[in-house]
Structures are given as C-alpha cells and as structure tokens.
C-alpha cells in the first residue's frame, strides 16, 4: 500500500483497481450476452418471434454494452492509454440506441396489429355470419326445437360479438396513432374519447394543443405511456373518473394521469416480477430522457406523472439525427 503522502502511488492503486473491476464487469456483460443469445435462439426455433422478456433483455444488453464501453474508455483515459471521453459522441450514441429500441417496439406492435387483424378478427367476424345463417335455418324448425336452437344460437352470437369487440379494442390499441396529423394533444384526446366509449370511464382532459417541439419518437413514447396508464386504470383501478393533463412548464413537459380508483401498494407491486405495465411505462420514459413517477395508496387512487426536460437546441439536433 502506498504511503498517505504518496499521491502518485495512491492514484496508480485506484486506476489498477478500476481496471480489475472493469475486466470483471466486462466478463459479466459477456455472460449476460451469451445467456440472451441462447434464449433468443431457442425462442426463434420455437415461435419465430421474441417475447416481451426477450425484448427487454435485448434493450438491457445494449444498455450494458454501452455503459461498459464508456467505463473502459474512462479507465484507459485515467491510465494514460486512451483519449478523454467525448460527451457529445456519448450523447448521440445513447440517442441512437434509444431511437432503435423505440422503433423496434413499434415495429413489433405493427406486426401484431396485422396478425390480429388478419387472423382472429376475421375468424370471429366470419363466425358471426355463420351463426346468423344458422338462425335463418332455425326459423324453419317448429315447436320446442326451434325455441332451443334460437336460444343457443343467440347465446353463441353474443359470445362471438363480445370476443370480436375485445379483439377490435386490441387492434385499436396496437395501431400507432397518426401523431403527424392529430398532434400529441389530439391523439391523447382521441384515445381518451375511445376509452370513455369502451370502458365506461369519464376522462377529463386538459391538454396544451399545438406544436410540442418534440421529436416524433418522444411524442410516440409519451402517447404509449398515457395509453398504458389508461389501460391499467381499466384493468385494475376500478375507477369512474380519470384526469389527463398535458402541459409545458418553464423547463419541462409534464403529463399527469390521475384516477379515483382503488389504488394499490406500490412497494408490494414493485416486488412482483410481473408488474409489466409499470415496467413498460418506466422504460419508455427513460429511453426518451424522461422521468416517471407513480404515486398510489390503497383506497385513494393512483397518479402517474411523466416529466420530460426541455432539450437544448444542440441536443434536439442530435435527437433528430
């Protein structure tokens, strides 16, 4: 160990320790990468497309690879064998990774939209036509047989109609909004109106209309966070009223989604491995440089807040590339 007054020796000891830690971290990242590749290959053979866990693992692998490369660069710089890290390049690389991840998420949604639209939705619609045809045939029967057939066919048609409505709702959720035409505020209002009709919720909107100055990837991520928040209210909140606020403050954009539902214990939910909705919202927010805050208490509703700091002109140019 170097003496207390041996500053050069202490510096060298710190750098050497950092190098050892970096080598160990690199080995862990490579182990994570091998595990991901093994899972992805097995899933490709089984189903041909990655599931949500694999997609999340891919995003995290890219984040780890980017982080370890930055740490290695910094260690080399401290050891005198590398160049000083370039912050602008790092920022542009982070933005590029975020854009690709968001693009892959939307591409997967588009694929699912086509598959559901051309598959289950068409099958259920055709089944409805078949039941109506059988109802016309049943009209020719007499007595108790006619009554029994009409009752069973009516029940069957009701089940098909309910399933078809659910599938059409899924298709609507998967379809990406035309933000370039509606604007973010218009797209949020449009989805809020649809949610009122589908779920029987009252949705009060207070939205700053007009150009946001945000990039398309940012607007789409914000829209998806709002969408997930409303779906969580419907699935778990047991609420009657939801409030959505989208406004610009001095140095950031803010979105609030609040409800008067049953609420939940945040600590317990955070411990669950399958709190997919909250995880998806948080990851989307982080990918565009935003922060997501979730506040809830059992019996007192839930509030989801997204805070997106306004970027400087230089940062905006980088995101646009």
C-alpha atoms as a PDB file:
ATOM      1  CA  UNK A   1       0.000   0.000   0.000  1.00  0.00           C
ATOM      2  CA  UNK A   2       1.356   3.461  -0.857  1.00  0.00           C
ATOM      3  CA  UNK A   3       2.109   5.918   1.905  1.00  0.00           C
ATOM      4  CA  UNK A   4      -0.505   8.553   2.748  1.00  0.00           C
ATOM      5  CA  UNK A   5       1.690  11.298   1.253  1.00  0.00           C
ATOM      6  CA  UNK A   6       2.417   9.252  -1.910  1.00  0.00           C
ATOM      7  CA  UNK A   7      -0.308  10.711  -4.113  1.00  0.00           C
ATOM      8  CA  UNK A   8       1.072   9.170  -7.315  1.00  0.00           C
ATOM      9  CA  UNK A   9       1.077   5.748  -5.698  1.00  0.00           C
ATOM     10  CA  UNK A  10      -2.494   6.189  -4.472  1.00  0.00           C
ATOM     11  CA  UNK A  11      -3.604   7.291  -7.940  1.00  0.00           C
ATOM     12  CA  UNK A  12      -1.961   4.240  -9.564  1.00  0.00           C
ATOM     13  CA  UNK A  13      -3.620   1.959  -6.993  1.00  0.00           C
ATOM     14  CA  UNK A  14      -7.053   3.425  -7.767  1.00  0.00           C
ATOM     15  CA  UNK A  15      -6.535   3.047 -11.534  1.00  0.00           C
ATOM     16  CA  UNK A  16      -5.335  -0.541 -11.178  1.00  0.00           C
ATOM     17  CA  UNK A  17      -8.371  -1.384  -9.036  1.00  0.00           C
ATOM     18  CA  UNK A  18     -10.630   0.232 -11.624  1.00  0.00           C
ATOM     19  CA  UNK A  19      -9.039  -1.852 -14.366  1.00  0.00           C
ATOM     20  CA  UNK A  20      -9.660  -5.060 -12.427  1.00  0.00           C
ATOM     21  CA  UNK A  21     -13.273  -4.067 -11.803  1.00  0.00           C
ATOM     22  CA  UNK A  22     -13.742  -3.222 -15.489  1.00  0.00           C
ATOM     23  CA  UNK A  23     -12.411  -6.634 -16.551  1.00  0.00           C
ATOM     24  CA  UNK A  24     -14.788  -8.331 -14.128  1.00  0.00           C
ATOM     25  CA  UNK A  25     -17.726  -6.225 -15.358  1.00  0.00           C
ATOM     26  CA  UNK A  26     -16.847  -7.000 -18.978  1.00  0.00           C
ATOM     27  CA  UNK A  27     -16.934 -10.732 -18.190  1.00  0.00           C
ATOM     28  CA  UNK A  28     -20.354 -10.343 -16.535  1.00  0.00           C
ATOM     29  CA  UNK A  29     -21.718  -8.397 -19.507  1.00  0.00           C
ATOM     30  CA  UNK A  30     -20.427 -11.065 -21.909  1.00  0.00           C
ATOM     31  CA  UNK A  31     -22.046 -13.756 -19.742  1.00  0.00           C
ATOM     32  CA  UNK A  32     -25.346 -11.833 -19.928  1.00  0.00           C
ATOM     33  CA  UNK A  33     -24.954 -11.577 -23.713  1.00  0.00           C
ATOM     34  CA  UNK A  34     -24.383 -15.328 -24.093  1.00  0.00           C
ATOM     35  CA  UNK A  35     -27.429 -16.083 -21.956  1.00  0.00           C
ATOM     36  CA  UNK A  36     -29.547 -13.701 -24.037  1.00  0.00           C
ATOM     37  CA  UNK A  37     -28.320 -15.199 -27.332  1.00  0.00           C
ATOM     38  CA  UNK A  38     -29.088 -18.712 -26.098  1.00  0.00           C
ATOM     39  CA  UNK A  39     -32.631 -17.702 -25.117  1.00  0.00           C
ATOM     40  CA  UNK A  40     -33.193 -15.777 -28.349  1.00  0.00           C
ATOM     41  CA  UNK A  41     -32.038 -18.714 -30.494  1.00  0.00           C
ATOM     42  CA  UNK A  42     -34.284 -21.150 -28.617  1.00  0.00           C
ATOM     43  CA  UNK A  43     -37.254 -18.818 -28.954  1.00  0.00           C
ATOM     44  CA  UNK A  44     -36.582 -18.273 -32.633  1.00  0.00           C
ATOM     45  CA  UNK A  45     -36.752 -22.016 -33.235  1.00  0.00           C
ATOM     46  CA  UNK A  46     -39.900 -22.373 -31.118  1.00  0.00           C
ATOM     47  CA  UNK A  47     -42.044 -19.416 -32.201  1.00  0.00           C
ATOM     48  CA  UNK A  48     -40.041 -17.304 -34.628  1.00  0.00           C
ATOM     49  CA  UNK A  49     -40.502 -14.047 -32.677  1.00  0.00           C
ATOM     50  CA  UNK A  50     -39.187 -12.705 -29.342  1.00  0.00           C
ATOM     51  CA  UNK A  51     -41.471 -12.389 -26.336  1.00  0.00           C
ATOM     52  CA  UNK A  52     -41.600  -9.383 -24.004  1.00  0.00           C
ATOM     53  CA  UNK A  53     -38.911 -10.796 -21.686  1.00  0.00           C
ATOM     54  CA  UNK A  54     -36.503 -11.284 -24.588  1.00  0.00           C
ATOM     55  CA  UNK A  55     -37.167  -7.779 -25.929  1.00  0.00           C
ATOM     56  CA  UNK A  56     -36.491  -6.298 -22.507  1.00  0.00           C
ATOM     57  CA  UNK A  57     -33.301  -8.384 -22.191  1.00  0.00           C
ATOM     58  CA  UNK A  58     -32.129  -7.103 -25.591  1.00  0.00           C
ATOM     59  CA  UNK A  59     -32.639  -3.479 -24.531  1.00  0.00           C
ATOM     60  CA  UNK A  60     -30.790  -4.077 -21.283  1.00  0.00           C
ATOM     61  CA  UNK A  61     -27.949  -5.857 -23.076  1.00  0.00           C
ATOM     62  CA  UNK A  62     -27.472  -2.816 -25.327  1.00  0.00           C
ATOM     63  CA  UNK A  63     -27.508  -0.529 -22.289  1.00  0.00           C
ATOM     64  CA  UNK A  64     -24.903  -2.691 -20.542  1.00  0.00           C
ATOM     65  CA  UNK A  65     -22.678  -2.805 -23.610  1.00  0.00           C
ATOM     66  CA  UNK A  66     -22.841   0.958 -23.974  1.00  0.00           C
ATOM     67  CA  UNK A  67     -22.143   1.520 -20.271  1.00  0.00           C
ATOM     68  CA  UNK A  68     -19.175  -0.854 -20.131  1.00  0.00           C
ATOM     69  CA  UNK A  69     -17.621   0.722 -23.218  1.00  0.00           C
ATOM     70  CA  UNK A  70     -17.828   4.123 -21.520  1.00  0.00           C
ATOM     71  CA  UNK A  71     -16.253   2.741 -18.331  1.00  0.00           C
ATOM     72  CA  UNK A  72     -13.446   1.083 -20.325  1.00  0.00           C
ATOM     73  CA  UNK A  73     -12.806   4.313 -22.179  1.00  0.00           C
ATOM     74  CA  UNK A  74     -12.635   6.234 -18.897  1.00  0.00           C
ATOM     75  CA  UNK A  75     -10.261   3.679 -17.348  1.00  0.00           C
ATOM     76  CA  UNK A  76      -7.988   3.877 -20.386  1.00  0.00           C
ATOM     77  CA  UNK A  77      -8.011   7.663 -20.142  1.00  0.00           C
ATOM     78  CA  UNK A  78      -7.034   7.583 -16.461  1.00  0.00           C
ATOM     79  CA  UNK A  79      -4.245   5.129 -17.261  1.00  0.00           C
ATOM     80  CA  UNK A  80      -2.843   7.403 -19.927  1.00  0.00           C
ATOM     81  CA  UNK A  81      -3.572   4.976 -22.801  1.00  0.00           C
ATOM     82  CA  UNK A  82      -6.812   6.452 -24.066  1.00  0.00           C
ATOM     83  CA  UNK A  83      -8.384   9.712 -25.133  1.00  0.00           C
ATOM     84  CA  UNK A  84     -10.598  11.855 -22.975  1.00  0.00           C
ATOM     85  CA  UNK A  85     -14.235  10.681 -23.315  1.00  0.00           C
ATOM     86  CA  UNK A  86     -16.279  12.742 -25.753  1.00  0.00           C
ATOM     87  CA  UNK A  87     -19.553  13.643 -24.112  1.00  0.00           C
ATOM     88  CA  UNK A  88     -21.273  14.789 -27.297  1.00  0.00           C
ATOM     89  CA  UNK A  89     -20.474  11.487 -29.024  1.00  0.00           C
ATOM     90  CA  UNK A  90     -21.712   9.585 -25.977  1.00  0.00           C
ATOM     91  CA  UNK A  91     -24.982  11.517 -26.016  1.00  0.00           C
ATOM     92  CA  UNK A  92     -25.510  10.892 -29.721  1.00  0.00           C
ATOM     93  CA  UNK A  93     -24.806   7.184 -29.247  1.00  0.00           C
ATOM     94  CA  UNK A  94     -27.298   6.993 -26.368  1.00  0.00           C
ATOM     95  CA  UNK A  95     -29.904   8.762 -28.512  1.00  0.00           C
ATOM     96  CA  UNK A  96     -29.292   6.359 -31.404  1.00  0.00           C
ATOM     97  CA  UNK A  97     -29.753   3.323 -29.148  1.00  0.00           C
ATOM     98  CA  UNK A  98     -32.959   4.803 -27.703  1.00  0.00           C
ATOM     99  CA  UNK A  99     -34.351   5.500 -31.170  1.00  0.00           C
ATOM    100  CA  UNK A 100     -33.644   1.960 -32.346  1.00  0.00           C
ATOM    101  CA  UNK A 101     -35.252   0.418 -29.291  1.00  0.00           C
ATOM    102  CA  UNK A 102     -38.402   2.523 -29.708  1.00  0.00           C
ATOM    103  CA  UNK A 103     -38.520   1.746 -33.427  1.00  0.00           C
ATOM    104  CA  UNK A 104     -38.267  -1.988 -32.719  1.00  0.00           C
ATOM    105  CA  UNK A 105     -41.107  -1.753 -30.188  1.00  0.00           C
ATOM    106  CA  UNK A 106     -43.382  -0.023 -32.684  1.00  0.00           C
ATOM    107  CA  UNK A 107     -42.417  -2.471 -35.444  1.00  0.00           C
ATOM    108  CA  UNK A 108     -43.455  -5.345 -33.175  1.00  0.00           C
ATOM    109  CA  UNK A 109     -46.785  -3.623 -32.435  1.00  0.00           C
ATOM    110  CA  UNK A 110     -47.381  -3.164 -36.159  1.00  0.00           C
ATOM    111  CA  UNK A 111     -46.668  -6.855 -36.778  1.00  0.00           C
ATOM    112  CA  UNK A 112     -49.095  -7.886 -34.023  1.00  0.00           C
ATOM    113  CA  UNK A 113     -51.704  -5.477 -35.409  1.00  0.00           C
ATOM    114  CA  UNK A 114     -51.568  -7.136 -38.827  1.00  0.00           C
ATOM    115  CA  UNK A 115     -51.577 -10.652 -37.359  1.00  0.00           C
ATOM    116  CA  UNK A 116     -54.608  -9.996 -35.126  1.00  0.00           C
ATOM    117  CA  UNK A 117     -56.488  -8.077 -37.825  1.00  0.00           C
ATOM    118  CA  UNK A 118     -55.976 -10.772 -40.462  1.00  0.00           C
ATOM    119  CA  UNK A 119     -56.359 -13.719 -38.053  1.00  0.00           C
ATOM    120  CA  UNK A 120     -58.677 -13.788 -35.003  1.00  0.00           C
ATOM    121  CA  UNK A 121     -60.684 -10.731 -36.040  1.00  0.00           C
ATOM    122  CA  UNK A 122     -61.560 -12.243 -39.422  1.00  0.00           C
ATOM    123  CA  UNK A 123     -62.352 -15.644 -37.877  1.00  0.00           C
ATOM    124  CA  UNK A 124     -64.759 -14.109 -35.364  1.00  0.00           C
ATOM    125  CA  UNK A 125     -66.437 -11.934 -37.996  1.00  0.00           C
ATOM    126  CA  UNK A 126     -66.958 -14.993 -40.218  1.00  0.00           C
ATOM    127  CA  UNK A 127     -68.319 -16.938 -37.235  1.00  0.00           C
ATOM    128  CA  UNK A 128     -70.909 -14.194 -36.685  1.00  0.00           C
ATOM    129  CA  UNK A 129     -72.086 -14.578 -40.294  1.00  0.00           C
ATOM    130  CA  UNK A 130     -72.305 -18.354 -39.861  1.00  0.00           C
ATOM    131  CA  UNK A 131     -74.436 -18.015 -36.731  1.00  0.00           C
ATOM    132  CA  UNK A 132     -76.815 -15.606 -38.484  1.00  0.00           C
ATOM    133  CA  UNK A 133     -77.120 -18.105 -41.329  1.00  0.00           C
ATOM    134  CA  UNK A 134     -77.947 -20.886 -38.850  1.00  0.00           C
ATOM    135  CA  UNK A 135     -80.555 -18.623 -37.216  1.00  0.00           C
ATOM    136  CA  UNK A 136     -82.362 -18.315 -40.531  1.00  0.00           C
ATOM    137  CA  UNK A 137     -82.343 -22.096 -40.870  1.00  0.00           C
ATOM    138  CA  UNK A 138     -83.611 -22.475 -37.301  1.00  0.00           C
ATOM    139  CA  UNK A 139     -86.626 -20.329 -38.202  1.00  0.00           C
ATOM    140  CA  UNK A 140     -87.847 -23.228 -40.334  1.00  0.00           C
ATOM    141  CA  UNK A 141     -87.986 -25.569 -37.340  1.00  0.00           C
ATOM    142  CA  UNK A 142     -91.096 -25.924 -35.213  1.00  0.00           C
ATOM    143  CA  UNK A 143     -92.051 -26.200 -31.579  1.00  0.00           C
ATOM    144  CA  UNK A 144     -89.518 -26.737 -28.800  1.00  0.00           C
ATOM    145  CA  UNK A 145     -86.668 -27.487 -31.230  1.00  0.00           C
ATOM    146  CA  UNK A 146     -86.994 -24.033 -32.791  1.00  0.00           C
ATOM    147  CA  UNK A 147     -87.008 -22.317 -29.370  1.00  0.00           C
ATOM    148  CA  UNK A 148     -83.995 -24.276 -28.136  1.00  0.00           C
ATOM    149  CA  UNK A 149     -81.999 -23.624 -31.310  1.00  0.00           C
ATOM    150  CA  UNK A 150     -82.793 -19.904 -31.314  1.00  0.00           C
ATOM    151  CA  UNK A 151     -81.764 -19.600 -27.638  1.00  0.00           C
ATOM    152  CA  UNK A 152     -78.456 -21.416 -28.113  1.00  0.00           C
ATOM    153  CA  UNK A 153     -77.603 -19.549 -31.302  1.00  0.00           C
ATOM    154  CA  UNK A 154     -78.427 -16.232 -29.670  1.00  0.00           C
ATOM    155  CA  UNK A 155     -76.119 -17.036 -26.748  1.00  0.00           C
ATOM    156  CA  UNK A 156     -73.382 -18.106 -29.155  1.00  0.00           C
ATOM    157  CA  UNK A 157     -73.741 -14.928 -31.177  1.00  0.00           C
ATOM    158  CA  UNK A 158     -73.487 -12.860 -28.001  1.00  0.00           C
ATOM    159  CA  UNK A 159     -70.229 -14.593 -27.060  1.00  0.00           C
ATOM    160  CA  UNK A 160     -68.795 -14.069 -30.541  1.00  0.00           C
ATOM    161  CA  UNK A 161     -69.833 -10.397 -30.516  1.00  0.00           C
ATOM    162  CA  UNK A 162     -68.201  -9.843 -27.120  1.00  0.00           C
ATOM    163  CA  UNK A 163     -64.990 -11.533 -28.262  1.00  0.00           C
ATOM    164  CA  UNK A 164     -64.957  -9.566 -31.518  1.00  0.00           C
ATOM    165  CA  UNK A 165     -65.381  -6.292 -29.622  1.00  0.00           C
ATOM    166  CA  UNK A 166     -62.438  -7.240 -27.395  1.00  0.00           C
ATOM    167  CA  UNK A 167     -60.271  -8.106 -30.395  1.00  0.00           C
ATOM    168  CA  UNK A 168     -61.188  -4.862 -32.158  1.00  0.00           C
ATOM    169  CA  UNK A 169     -60.228  -2.996 -28.977  1.00  0.00           C
ATOM    170  CA  UNK A 170     -56.876  -4.761 -29.021  1.00  0.00           C
ATOM    171  CA  UNK A 171     -56.378  -3.782 -32.652  1.00  0.00           C
ATOM    172  CA  UNK A 172     -57.156  -0.157 -31.813  1.00  0.00           C
ATOM    173  CA  UNK A 173     -54.570  -0.203 -29.016  1.00  0.00           C
ATOM    174  CA  UNK A 174     -51.907  -1.706 -31.267  1.00  0.00           C
ATOM    175  CA  UNK A 175     -52.492   0.681 -34.164  1.00  0.00           C
ATOM    176  CA  UNK A 176     -49.965   3.556 -33.941  1.00  0.00           C
ATOM    177  CA  UNK A 177     -51.649   6.980 -33.773  1.00  0.00           C
ATOM    178  CA  UNK A 178     -51.223   9.428 -36.636  1.00  0.00           C
ATOM    179  CA  UNK A 179     -49.431  11.994 -34.488  1.00  0.00           C
ATOM    180  CA  UNK A 180     -48.272  13.970 -37.517  1.00  0.00           C
ATOM    181  CA  UNK A 181     -51.917  14.688 -38.385  1.00  0.00           C
ATOM    182  CA  UNK A 182     -53.573  14.885 -34.962  1.00  0.00           C
ATOM    183  CA  UNK A 183     -50.698  16.246 -32.895  1.00  0.00           C
ATOM    184  CA  UNK A 184     -49.924  14.739 -29.495  1.00  0.00           C
ATOM    185  CA  UNK A 185     -52.767  16.550 -27.726  1.00  0.00           C
ATOM    186  CA  UNK A 186     -55.232  15.488 -30.434  1.00  0.00           C
ATOM    187  CA  UNK A 187     -54.086  11.866 -30.268  1.00  0.00           C
ATOM    188  CA  UNK A 188     -54.428  11.829 -26.460  1.00  0.00           C
ATOM    189  CA  UNK A 189     -57.925  13.358 -26.661  1.00  0.00           C
ATOM    190  CA  UNK A 190     -58.924  10.858 -29.353  1.00  0.00           C
ATOM    191  CA  UNK A 191     -57.798   7.900 -27.223  1.00  0.00           C
ATOM    192  CA  UNK A 192     -59.497   9.358 -24.148  1.00  0.00           C
ATOM    193  CA  UNK A 193     -62.791   9.579 -26.067  1.00  0.00           C
ATOM    194  CA  UNK A 194     -62.386   5.984 -27.245  1.00  0.00           C
ATOM    195  CA  UNK A 195     -61.663   4.860 -23.666  1.00  0.00           C
ATOM    196  CA  UNK A 196     -64.852   6.521 -22.437  1.00  0.00           C
ATOM    197  CA  UNK A 197     -66.870   4.587 -25.011  1.00  0.00           C
ATOM    198  CA  UNK A 198     -65.126   1.248 -24.443  1.00  0.00           C
ATOM    199  CA  UNK A 199     -64.645   1.223 -20.683  1.00  0.00           C
ATOM    200  CA  UNK A 200     -67.418   3.496 -19.432  1.00  0.00           C
ATOM    201  CA  UNK A 201     -64.889   5.814 -17.807  1.00  0.00           C
ATOM    202  CA  UNK A 202     -65.239   9.555 -17.550  1.00  0.00           C
ATOM    203  CA  UNK A 203     -61.985  11.046 -18.855  1.00  0.00           C
ATOM    204  CA  UNK A 204     -61.374  14.761 -18.285  1.00  0.00           C
ATOM    205  CA  UNK A 205     -58.590  16.205 -20.459  1.00  0.00           C
ATOM    206  CA  UNK A 206     -56.681  19.455 -20.021  1.00  0.00           C
ATOM    207  CA  UNK A 207     -54.169  19.499 -22.848  1.00  0.00           C
ATOM    208  CA  UNK A 208     -51.787  22.055 -24.296  1.00  0.00           C
ATOM    209  CA  UNK A 209     -52.541  21.903 -28.021  1.00  0.00           C
ATOM    210  CA  UNK A 210     -50.231  22.929 -30.829  1.00  0.00           C
ATOM    211  CA  UNK A 211     -46.675  22.048 -31.751  1.00  0.00           C
ATOM    212  CA  UNK A 212     -44.708  20.499 -28.878  1.00  0.00           C
ATOM    213  CA  UNK A 213     -41.286  20.951 -30.437  1.00  0.00           C
ATOM    214  CA  UNK A 214     -40.569  17.314 -29.530  1.00  0.00           C
ATOM    215  CA  UNK A 215     -39.229  14.615 -31.822  1.00  0.00           C
ATOM    216  CA  UNK A 216     -41.677  12.015 -33.220  1.00  0.00           C
ATOM    217  CA  UNK A 217     -40.064   9.247 -31.123  1.00  0.00           C
ATOM    218  CA  UNK A 218     -40.599  11.298 -27.968  1.00  0.00           C
ATOM    219  CA  UNK A 219     -44.242  12.054 -28.757  1.00  0.00           C
ATOM    220  CA  UNK A 220     -44.948   8.420 -29.537  1.00  0.00           C
ATOM    221  CA  UNK A 221     -43.329   7.257 -26.288  1.00  0.00           C
ATOM    222  CA  UNK A 222     -45.388   9.786 -24.296  1.00  0.00           C
ATOM    223  CA  UNK A 223     -48.564   8.642 -26.039  1.00  0.00           C
ATOM    224  CA  UNK A 224     -47.788   4.992 -25.219  1.00  0.00           C
ATOM    225  CA  UNK A 225     -47.197   5.834 -21.549  1.00  0.00           C
ATOM    226  CA  UNK A 226     -50.582   7.595 -21.418  1.00  0.00           C
ATOM    227  CA  UNK A 227     -52.196   4.635 -23.181  1.00  0.00           C
ATOM    228  CA  UNK A 228     -50.709   2.122 -20.735  1.00  0.00           C
ATOM    229  CA  UNK A 229     -51.793   4.266 -17.783  1.00  0.00           C
ATOM    230  CA  UNK A 230     -55.417   4.319 -19.002  1.00  0.00           C
ATOM    231  CA  UNK A 231     -55.379   0.575 -19.647  1.00  0.00           C
ATOM    232  CA  UNK A 232     -54.112  -0.039 -16.106  1.00  0.00           C
ATOM    233  CA  UNK A 233     -56.977   2.082 -14.759  1.00  0.00           C
ATOM    234  CA  UNK A 234     -59.452  -0.060 -16.693  1.00  0.00           C
ATOM    235  CA  UNK A 235     -57.878  -3.409 -15.751  1.00  0.00           C
ATOM    236  CA  UNK A 236     -57.018  -2.783 -12.103  1.00  0.00           C
ATOM    237  CA  UNK A 237     -58.152   0.634 -10.893  1.00  0.00           C
ATOM    238  CA  UNK A 238     -61.950   0.176 -10.678  1.00  0.00           C
ATOM    239  CA  UNK A 239     -62.159   3.942 -11.217  1.00  0.00           C
ATOM    240  CA  UNK A 240     -65.043   6.018 -12.531  1.00  0.00           C
ATOM    241  CA  UNK A 241     -63.140   9.206 -13.406  1.00  0.00           C
ATOM    242  CA  UNK A 242     -59.713   9.795 -14.905  1.00  0.00           C
ATOM    243  CA  UNK A 243     -57.946  13.112 -15.385  1.00  0.00           C
ATOM    244  CA  UNK A 244     -55.247  13.681 -18.011  1.00  0.00           C
ATOM    245  CA  UNK A 245     -53.123  16.819 -18.039  1.00  0.00           C
ATOM    246  CA  UNK A 246     -50.501  17.608 -20.694  1.00  0.00           C
ATOM    247  CA  UNK A 247     -48.776  20.935 -20.251  1.00  0.00           C
ATOM    248  CA  UNK A 248     -45.490  22.728 -20.663  1.00  0.00           C
ATOM    249  CA  UNK A 249     -43.856  24.382 -17.691  1.00  0.00           C
ATOM    250  CA  UNK A 250     -40.809  26.638 -17.743  1.00  0.00           C
ATOM    251  CA  UNK A 251     -38.200  23.930 -18.333  1.00  0.00           C
ATOM    252  CA  UNK A 252     -40.092  20.689 -18.976  1.00  0.00           C
ATOM    253  CA  UNK A 253     -43.156  18.984 -20.412  1.00  0.00           C
ATOM    254  CA  UNK A 254     -45.412  17.327 -17.850  1.00  0.00           C
ATOM    255  CA  UNK A 255     -48.098  14.678 -18.233  1.00  0.00           C
ATOM    256  CA  UNK A 256     -50.357  13.696 -15.307  1.00  0.00           C
ATOM    257  CA  UNK A 257     -52.807  10.795 -15.360  1.00  0.00           C
ATOM    258  CA  UNK A 258     -54.849  10.504 -12.165  1.00  0.00           C
ATOM    259  CA  UNK A 259     -57.821   8.341 -11.206  1.00  0.00           C
ATOM    260  CA  UNK A 260     -60.266   7.902  -8.324  1.00  0.00           C
ATOM    261  CA  UNK A 261     -59.882   4.125  -8.220  1.00  0.00           C
ATOM    262  CA  UNK A 262     -58.925   1.646  -5.514  1.00  0.00           C
ATOM    263  CA  UNK A 263     -55.196   2.384  -5.708  1.00  0.00           C
ATOM    264  CA  UNK A 264     -52.511  -0.142  -4.720  1.00  0.00           C
ATOM    265  CA  UNK A 265     -49.490  -0.719  -2.501  1.00  0.00           C
ATOM    266  CA  UNK A 266     -46.524   0.464  -4.578  1.00  0.00           C
ATOM    267  CA  UNK A 267     -43.969  -1.493  -2.518  1.00  0.00           C
ATOM    268  CA  UNK A 268     -45.823  -4.804  -2.955  1.00  0.00           C
ATOM    269  CA  UNK A 269     -46.338  -4.255  -6.680  1.00  0.00           C
ATOM    270  CA  UNK A 270     -42.666  -3.339  -7.163  1.00  0.00           C
ATOM    271  CA  UNK A 271     -41.658  -6.674  -5.638  1.00  0.00           C
ATOM    272  CA  UNK A 272     -43.710  -8.639  -8.148  1.00  0.00           C
ATOM    273  CA  UNK A 273     -41.834  -9.988 -11.140  1.00  0.00           C
ATOM    274  CA  UNK A 274     -44.766  -9.467 -13.482  1.00  0.00           C
ATOM    275  CA  UNK A 275     -45.586  -5.771 -12.984  1.00  0.00           C
ATOM    276  CA  UNK A 276     -45.168  -5.477 -16.749  1.00  0.00           C
ATOM    277  CA  UNK A 277     -47.301  -2.377 -17.278  1.00  0.00           C
ATOM    278  CA  UNK A 278     -45.387  -0.171 -14.846  1.00  0.00           C
ATOM    279  CA  UNK A 279     -42.077  -1.509 -16.131  1.00  0.00           C
ATOM    280  CA  UNK A 280     -43.003  -0.767 -19.743  1.00  0.00           C
ATOM    281  CA  UNK A 281     -44.024   2.809 -18.898  1.00  0.00           C
ATOM    282  CA  UNK A 282     -40.826   3.435 -16.949  1.00  0.00           C
ATOM    283  CA  UNK A 283     -38.606   2.014 -19.703  1.00  0.00           C
ATOM    284  CA  UNK A 284     -40.275   4.090 -22.405  1.00  0.00           C
ATOM    285  CA  UNK A 285     -39.859   7.220 -20.299  1.00  0.00           C
ATOM    286  CA  UNK A 286     -36.186   6.521 -19.661  1.00  0.00           C
ATOM    287  CA  UNK A 287     -35.490   5.892 -23.346  1.00  0.00           C
ATOM    288  CA  UNK A 288     -36.512   9.469 -24.196  1.00  0.00           C
ATOM    289  CA  UNK A 289     -34.764  11.033 -21.229  1.00  0.00           C
ATOM    290  CA  UNK A 290     -37.900  11.452 -19.118  1.00  0.00           C
ATOM    291  CA  UNK A 291     -38.691  10.506 -15.513  1.00  0.00           C
ATOM    292  CA  UNK A 292     -41.768   8.551 -14.491  1.00  0.00           C
ATOM    293  CA  UNK A 293     -43.311   8.941 -11.053  1.00  0.00           C
ATOM    294  CA  UNK A 294     -46.086   6.674  -9.769  1.00  0.00           C
ATOM    295  CA  UNK A 295     -47.961   7.573  -6.590  1.00  0.00           C
ATOM    296  CA  UNK A 296     -50.701   5.393  -5.146  1.00  0.00           C
ATOM    297  CA  UNK A 297     -52.286   4.457  -1.842  1.00  0.00           C
ATOM    298  CA  UNK A 298     -54.873   1.706  -1.327  1.00  0.00           C
ATOM    299  CA  UNK A 299     -58.302   3.296  -1.438  1.00  0.00           C
ATOM    300  CA  UNK A 300     -57.038   6.668  -2.675  1.00  0.00           C
ATOM    301  CA  UNK A 301     -56.455   6.242  -6.398  1.00  0.00           C
ATOM    302  CA  UNK A 302     -53.304   6.461  -8.483  1.00  0.00           C
ATOM    303  CA  UNK A 303     -51.311   9.251 -10.111  1.00  0.00           C
ATOM    304  CA  UNK A 304     -48.832   8.679 -12.940  1.00  0.00           C
ATOM    305  CA  UNK A 305     -46.573  11.616 -13.825  1.00  0.00           C
ATOM    306  CA  UNK A 306     -44.103  11.874 -16.704  1.00  0.00           C
ATOM    307  CA  UNK A 307     -41.531  14.689 -16.629  1.00  0.00           C
ATOM    308  CA  UNK A 308     -39.604  15.418 -19.819  1.00  0.00           C
ATOM    309  CA  UNK A 309     -36.931  18.147 -19.518  1.00  0.00           C
ATOM    310  CA  UNK A 310     -36.732  20.528 -22.464  1.00  0.00           C
ATOM    311  CA  UNK A 311     -33.652  19.903 -24.554  1.00  0.00           C
ATOM    312  CA  UNK A 312     -31.156  22.458 -25.719  1.00  0.00           C
ATOM    313  CA  UNK A 313     -31.015  23.222 -29.434  1.00  0.00           C
ATOM    314  CA  UNK A 314     -27.863  21.116 -29.844  1.00  0.00           C
ATOM    315  CA  UNK A 315     -29.433  18.116 -28.091  1.00  0.00           C
ATOM    316  CA  UNK A 316     -32.545  18.465 -30.239  1.00  0.00           C
ATOM    317  CA  UNK A 317     -30.449  18.374 -33.407  1.00  0.00           C
ATOM    318  CA  UNK A 318     -28.730  15.207 -32.199  1.00  0.00           C
ATOM    319  CA  UNK A 319     -32.053  13.514 -31.463  1.00  0.00           C
ATOM    320  CA  UNK A 320     -33.319  14.475 -34.902  1.00  0.00           C
ATOM    321  CA  UNK A 321     -30.420  12.631 -36.490  1.00  0.00           C
END
